[in-house]
Amino acid sequence: MSARQSFFDADTLKRAVASGDADTLVAQFSDDAEMEMIDQRTPPSAPTVLRGREAIGQTMRELFSRDMTHEVLQCVVQGDHAAYTERCSYPDGNKVMSMTMLDLRDGRIVHQSTVQAWDEGHPARPEAGDFSAPADSQEMELARVDTVSVGGMNVIRMALEPGWRWSEHMKEGAGTDLCMKGHCAFIESGTLCCRMGDGTEITFEAGQVASVPPGHDGWVVGDEAVALIDWKAGN
């Protein structure tokens, strides 16, 4: 291992993952780091891509807030690269396995690529989620996002006020030019328009189910607020 790589502390990474310490883990990323995540919801042709330590930190903190345990099974560091496998377990017995590759520069992570797979079995018992008592709530300009965890997954309810637009109100916090989350959502009220990076545009109205892949902008159409339930963006 070269001298410049001796600063990357694999033991700190393993402890941070196992303890759910998002702040310590995110501190190992460079300011301009990128994170790429691939699974059955975001396949290789349309992975989730996060750019910048701030955007990565938001995702890490949300991930570690879920009711699950994390365990690093193996971790190897060689030169400018590192790799580790991780097993996550939900209280209902469902498990997630992931393989992560890291590119390193001056002892910090500059690129992370994660491929993951999880059990598709049903929960051990019925569960109910309640948006009147969400597990997490975020108030933003012209928007509110509530999250409930049920059946081993997160379900999001978004309330978007007239005038809200992702590229104006969410872009800076996300650290990406377009929204890189995939969505599968039921539109409860209002009208929402989405435009993909290639210019493809579609409008969703109340009563419809919207499927939107990563790489898009979105905005509220007209003077009526939009309320939607999203089963995909929080996972």
Protein backbone atom coordinates (compact mmCIF):
# COMPACT_ATOMS: atom_id res chain seq x y z
CA MET A 1 0.00 0.00 0.00
CA SER A 2 1.40 3.40 -0.97
CA ALA A 3 2.04 6.07 1.66
CA ARG A 4 -0.83 8.22 0.45
CA GLN A 5 -3.27 5.36 0.95
CA SER A 6 -2.18 4.62 4.51
CA PHE A 7 -4.59 7.31 5.71
CA PHE A 8 -7.69 5.35 4.67
CA ASP A 9 -8.90 3.65 7.84
CA ALA A 10 -10.86 0.52 6.99
CA ASP A 11 -11.47 -0.22 10.68
CA THR A 12 -13.18 3.15 11.11
CA LEU A 13 -15.38 2.40 8.11
CA LYS A 14 -16.37 -1.00 9.51
CA ARG A 15 -17.18 0.42 12.94
CA ALA A 16 -19.20 3.28 11.45
CA VAL A 17 -21.28 0.90 9.29
CA ALA A 18 -21.86 -1.57 12.13
CA SER A 19 -22.91 1.16 14.58
CA GLY A 20 -24.96 3.17 12.07
CA ASP A 21 -22.72 6.21 12.54
CA ALA A 22 -23.51 8.12 9.36
CA ASP A 23 -21.45 11.20 10.26
CA THR A 24 -18.24 9.21 10.76
CA LEU A 25 -18.83 7.26 7.55
CA VAL A 26 -19.60 10.34 5.46
CA ALA A 27 -16.44 12.04 6.79
CA GLN A 28 -14.43 9.47 4.83
CA PHE A 29 -15.79 10.81 1.52
CA SER A 30 -14.18 13.62 -0.45
CA ASP A 31 -16.22 16.76 -1.04
CA ASP A 32 -16.66 15.86 -4.74
CA ALA A 33 -17.38 12.16 -4.19
CA GLU A 34 -19.92 10.23 -6.24
CA MET A 35 -22.07 7.31 -5.12
CA GLU A 36 -23.74 4.88 -7.53
CA MET A 37 -26.34 2.34 -6.33
CA ILE A 38 -27.74 -0.54 -8.37
CA ASP A 39 -30.57 -2.89 -7.44
CA GLN A 40 -33.76 -4.26 -8.99
CA ARG A 41 -35.48 -0.88 -8.65
CA THR A 42 -32.57 1.08 -10.12
CA PRO A 43 -30.88 -1.29 -12.62
CA PRO A 44 -27.53 -0.73 -14.36
CA SER A 45 -29.24 1.23 -17.16
CA ALA A 46 -30.70 3.70 -14.64
CA PRO A 47 -28.74 3.59 -11.37
CA THR A 48 -29.19 6.00 -8.50
CA VAL A 49 -26.30 8.48 -8.64
CA LEU A 50 -25.49 10.95 -5.87
CA ARG A 51 -22.90 13.68 -6.32
CA GLY A 52 -21.18 15.49 -3.48
CA ARG A 53 -20.66 14.65 0.17
CA GLU A 54 -23.77 16.58 1.25
CA ALA A 55 -26.10 14.54 -0.98
CA ILE A 56 -24.39 11.31 0.06
CA GLY A 57 -24.73 12.30 3.72
CA GLN A 58 -28.48 12.85 3.41
CA THR A 59 -28.93 9.37 1.95
CA MET A 60 -26.66 7.74 4.55
CA ARG A 61 -28.48 9.37 7.46
CA GLU A 62 -31.84 8.27 6.09
CA LEU A 63 -30.54 4.73 5.58
CA PHE A 64 -29.15 4.43 9.10
CA SER A 65 -32.38 5.82 10.58
CA ARG A 66 -34.23 2.67 9.45
CA ASP A 67 -34.98 -0.08 11.92
CA MET A 68 -32.29 -2.56 10.85
CA THR A 69 -28.87 -3.83 11.87
CA HIS A 70 -25.72 -3.51 9.75
CA GLU A 71 -22.82 -5.94 9.65
CA VAL A 72 -19.64 -5.73 7.54
CA LEU A 73 -18.68 -9.28 6.61
CA GLN A 74 -15.46 -8.64 4.67
CA CYS A 75 -13.37 -5.58 3.89
CA VAL A 76 -10.26 -5.43 1.69
CA VAL A 77 -8.06 -2.42 0.88
CA GLN A 78 -5.51 -2.56 -1.91
CA GLY A 79 -3.82 0.48 -3.38
CA ASP A 80 -6.35 3.01 -4.64
CA HIS A 81 -9.29 0.68 -4.12
CA ALA A 82 -11.29 -0.97 -1.35
CA ALA A 83 -14.22 -3.37 -1.24
CA TYR A 84 -16.57 -4.65 1.42
CA THR A 85 -19.65 -6.81 1.78
CA GLU A 86 -22.46 -5.84 4.11
CA ARG A 87 -25.47 -7.67 5.55
CA CYS A 88 -28.48 -5.74 6.87
CA SER A 89 -31.28 -7.39 8.84
CA TYR A 90 -34.80 -6.07 9.47
CA PRO A 91 -36.77 -7.00 12.62
CA ASP A 92 -39.12 -9.12 10.49
CA GLY A 93 -36.20 -11.34 9.44
CA ASN A 94 -35.75 -9.97 5.91
CA LYS A 95 -32.14 -9.35 4.92
CA VAL A 96 -30.27 -7.16 2.45
CA MET A 97 -26.85 -8.12 1.07
CA SER A 98 -24.62 -5.62 -0.71
CA MET A 99 -21.20 -5.48 -2.35
CA THR A 100 -19.48 -2.09 -2.39
CA MET A 101 -16.42 -1.01 -4.40
CA LEU A 102 -14.55 2.15 -3.39
CA ASP A 103 -12.13 4.31 -5.39
CA LEU A 104 -9.73 6.18 -3.11
CA ARG A 105 -7.71 9.37 -3.39
CA ASP A 106 -5.46 10.71 -0.63
CA GLY A 107 -7.13 8.43 1.89
CA ARG A 108 -10.70 9.47 1.07
CA ILE A 109 -13.49 7.88 -0.96
CA VAL A 110 -14.00 9.60 -4.33
CA HIS A 111 -16.36 7.05 -5.87
CA GLN A 112 -18.57 4.32 -4.40
CA SER A 113 -20.45 1.72 -6.40
CA THR A 114 -22.89 -0.53 -4.53
CA VAL A 115 -24.89 -3.48 -5.84
CA GLN A 116 -27.51 -4.89 -3.48
CA ALA A 117 -30.20 -7.55 -3.29
CA TRP A 118 -32.78 -8.28 -0.63
CA ASP A 119 -35.33 -10.85 0.42
CA GLU A 120 -38.71 -10.51 -1.23
CA GLY A 121 -40.58 -12.55 1.36
CA HIS A 122 -43.61 -11.22 3.23
CA PRO A 123 -43.21 -9.76 6.72
CA ALA A 124 -43.53 -12.21 9.59
CA ARG A 125 -46.66 -10.37 10.76
CA PRO A 126 -49.07 -7.72 9.48
CA GLU A 127 -47.98 -4.14 10.07
CA ALA A 128 -49.65 -0.74 9.81
CA GLY A 129 -48.02 2.60 9.06
CA ASP A 130 -49.55 5.92 10.04
CA PHE A 131 -48.69 9.22 8.38
CA SER A 132 -50.16 11.06 11.38
CA ALA A 133 -47.17 9.70 13.34
CA PRO A 134 -44.41 9.33 10.73
CA ALA A 135 -40.98 7.87 11.48
CA ASP A 136 -39.42 10.94 9.86
CA SER A 137 -40.66 14.33 8.66
CA GLN A 138 -38.89 17.02 6.66
CA GLU A 139 -40.17 20.55 6.14
CA MET A 140 -38.74 22.31 3.08
CA GLU A 141 -39.64 25.35 1.03
CA LEU A 142 -43.10 24.68 -0.44
CA ALA A 143 -42.83 20.98 0.48
CA ARG A 144 -43.25 18.48 3.29
CA VAL A 145 -42.08 14.86 3.21
CA ASP A 146 -43.32 12.29 5.76
CA THR A 147 -41.94 8.75 5.93
CA VAL A 148 -43.41 5.63 7.51
CA SER A 149 -41.60 2.29 7.71
CA VAL A 150 -43.77 -0.76 7.17
CA GLY A 151 -43.14 -4.29 5.93
CA GLY A 152 -39.41 -3.72 5.69
CA MET A 153 -39.71 -0.70 3.40
CA ASN A 154 -40.18 3.06 3.60
CA VAL A 155 -43.31 4.72 2.17
CA ILE A 156 -43.26 8.48 1.58
CA ARG A 157 -46.06 11.02 1.51
CA MET A 158 -45.16 14.29 -0.22
CA ALA A 159 -47.17 17.50 0.04
CA LEU A 160 -46.09 20.01 -2.63
CA GLU A 161 -47.43 23.56 -2.71
CA PRO A 162 -48.20 25.57 -5.86
CA GLY A 163 -44.98 26.99 -7.26
CA TRP A 164 -42.84 24.04 -6.12
CA ARG A 165 -40.28 22.79 -8.63
CA TRP A 166 -37.57 20.21 -7.95
CA SER A 167 -34.85 22.09 -9.84
CA GLU A 168 -35.57 25.27 -7.85
CA HIS A 169 -36.27 23.91 -4.37
CA MET A 170 -34.50 20.51 -4.11
CA LYS A 171 -31.56 20.62 -6.54
CA GLU A 172 -29.07 22.30 -4.22
CA GLY A 173 -29.69 19.89 -1.36
CA ALA A 174 -29.56 16.84 -3.64
CA GLY A 175 -26.29 17.88 -5.25
CA THR A 176 -27.44 16.70 -8.71
CA ASP A 177 -28.75 18.54 -11.77
CA LEU A 178 -31.79 16.26 -11.94
CA CYS A 179 -33.64 14.15 -9.38
CA MET A 180 -31.84 10.80 -9.37
CA LYS A 181 -34.47 8.91 -7.38
CA GLY A 182 -36.96 6.62 -9.05
CA HIS A 183 -40.62 7.03 -8.13
CA CYS A 184 -43.72 4.86 -8.13
CA ALA A 185 -46.43 7.04 -6.64
CA PHE A 186 -50.20 7.45 -6.37
CA ILE A 187 -51.29 11.04 -6.98
CA GLU A 188 -53.88 11.85 -4.32
CA SER A 189 -54.58 15.41 -5.44
CA GLY A 190 -53.30 18.09 -7.77
CA THR A 191 -51.36 17.92 -11.03
CA LEU A 192 -47.64 17.16 -11.33
CA CYS A 193 -45.50 17.43 -14.47
CA CYS A 194 -42.19 15.60 -14.93
CA ARG A 195 -39.55 16.17 -17.61
CA MET A 196 -36.76 13.67 -18.27
CA GLY A 197 -33.21 14.66 -19.15
CA ASP A 198 -33.89 13.87 -22.83
CA GLY A 199 -36.85 16.28 -22.89
CA THR A 200 -39.62 13.69 -22.58
CA GLU A 201 -42.45 15.26 -20.58
CA ILE A 202 -45.52 13.74 -18.92
CA THR A 203 -48.26 15.17 -16.69
CA PHE A 204 -49.86 13.18 -13.87
CA GLU A 205 -53.26 14.01 -12.39
CA ALA A 206 -55.16 13.02 -9.25
CA GLY A 207 -56.16 9.36 -9.26
CA GLN A 208 -53.26 8.26 -11.47
CA VAL A 209 -50.21 6.16 -10.57
CA ALA A 210 -46.92 7.72 -11.67
CA SER A 211 -43.81 5.73 -12.57
CA VAL A 212 -40.80 7.99 -13.09
CA PRO A 213 -37.21 6.73 -13.56
CA PRO A 214 -34.17 8.60 -12.20
CA GLY A 215 -32.95 11.65 -14.12
CA HIS A 216 -35.88 14.08 -14.16
CA ASP A 217 -37.22 17.45 -13.07
CA GLY A 218 -40.73 17.88 -11.68
CA TRP A 219 -43.10 20.69 -10.75
CA VAL A 220 -46.62 21.45 -9.53
CA VAL A 221 -48.99 22.53 -12.28
CA GLY A 222 -51.59 25.17 -11.51
CA ASP A 223 -52.88 26.52 -8.21
CA GLU A 224 -53.77 23.24 -6.47
CA ALA A 225 -51.32 21.57 -4.10
CA VAL A 226 -50.08 18.07 -4.95
CA ALA A 227 -50.25 15.20 -2.47
CA LEU A 228 -48.78 11.83 -3.40
CA ILE A 229 -47.83 8.50 -1.83
CA ASP A 230 -44.49 7.09 -3.08
CA TRP A 231 -43.47 3.45 -2.53
CA LYS A 232 -40.10 3.64 -4.28
CA ALA A 233 -38.19 6.85 -3.56
CA GLY A 234 -37.49 6.07 0.11
CA ASN A 235 -35.90 2.66 -0.51
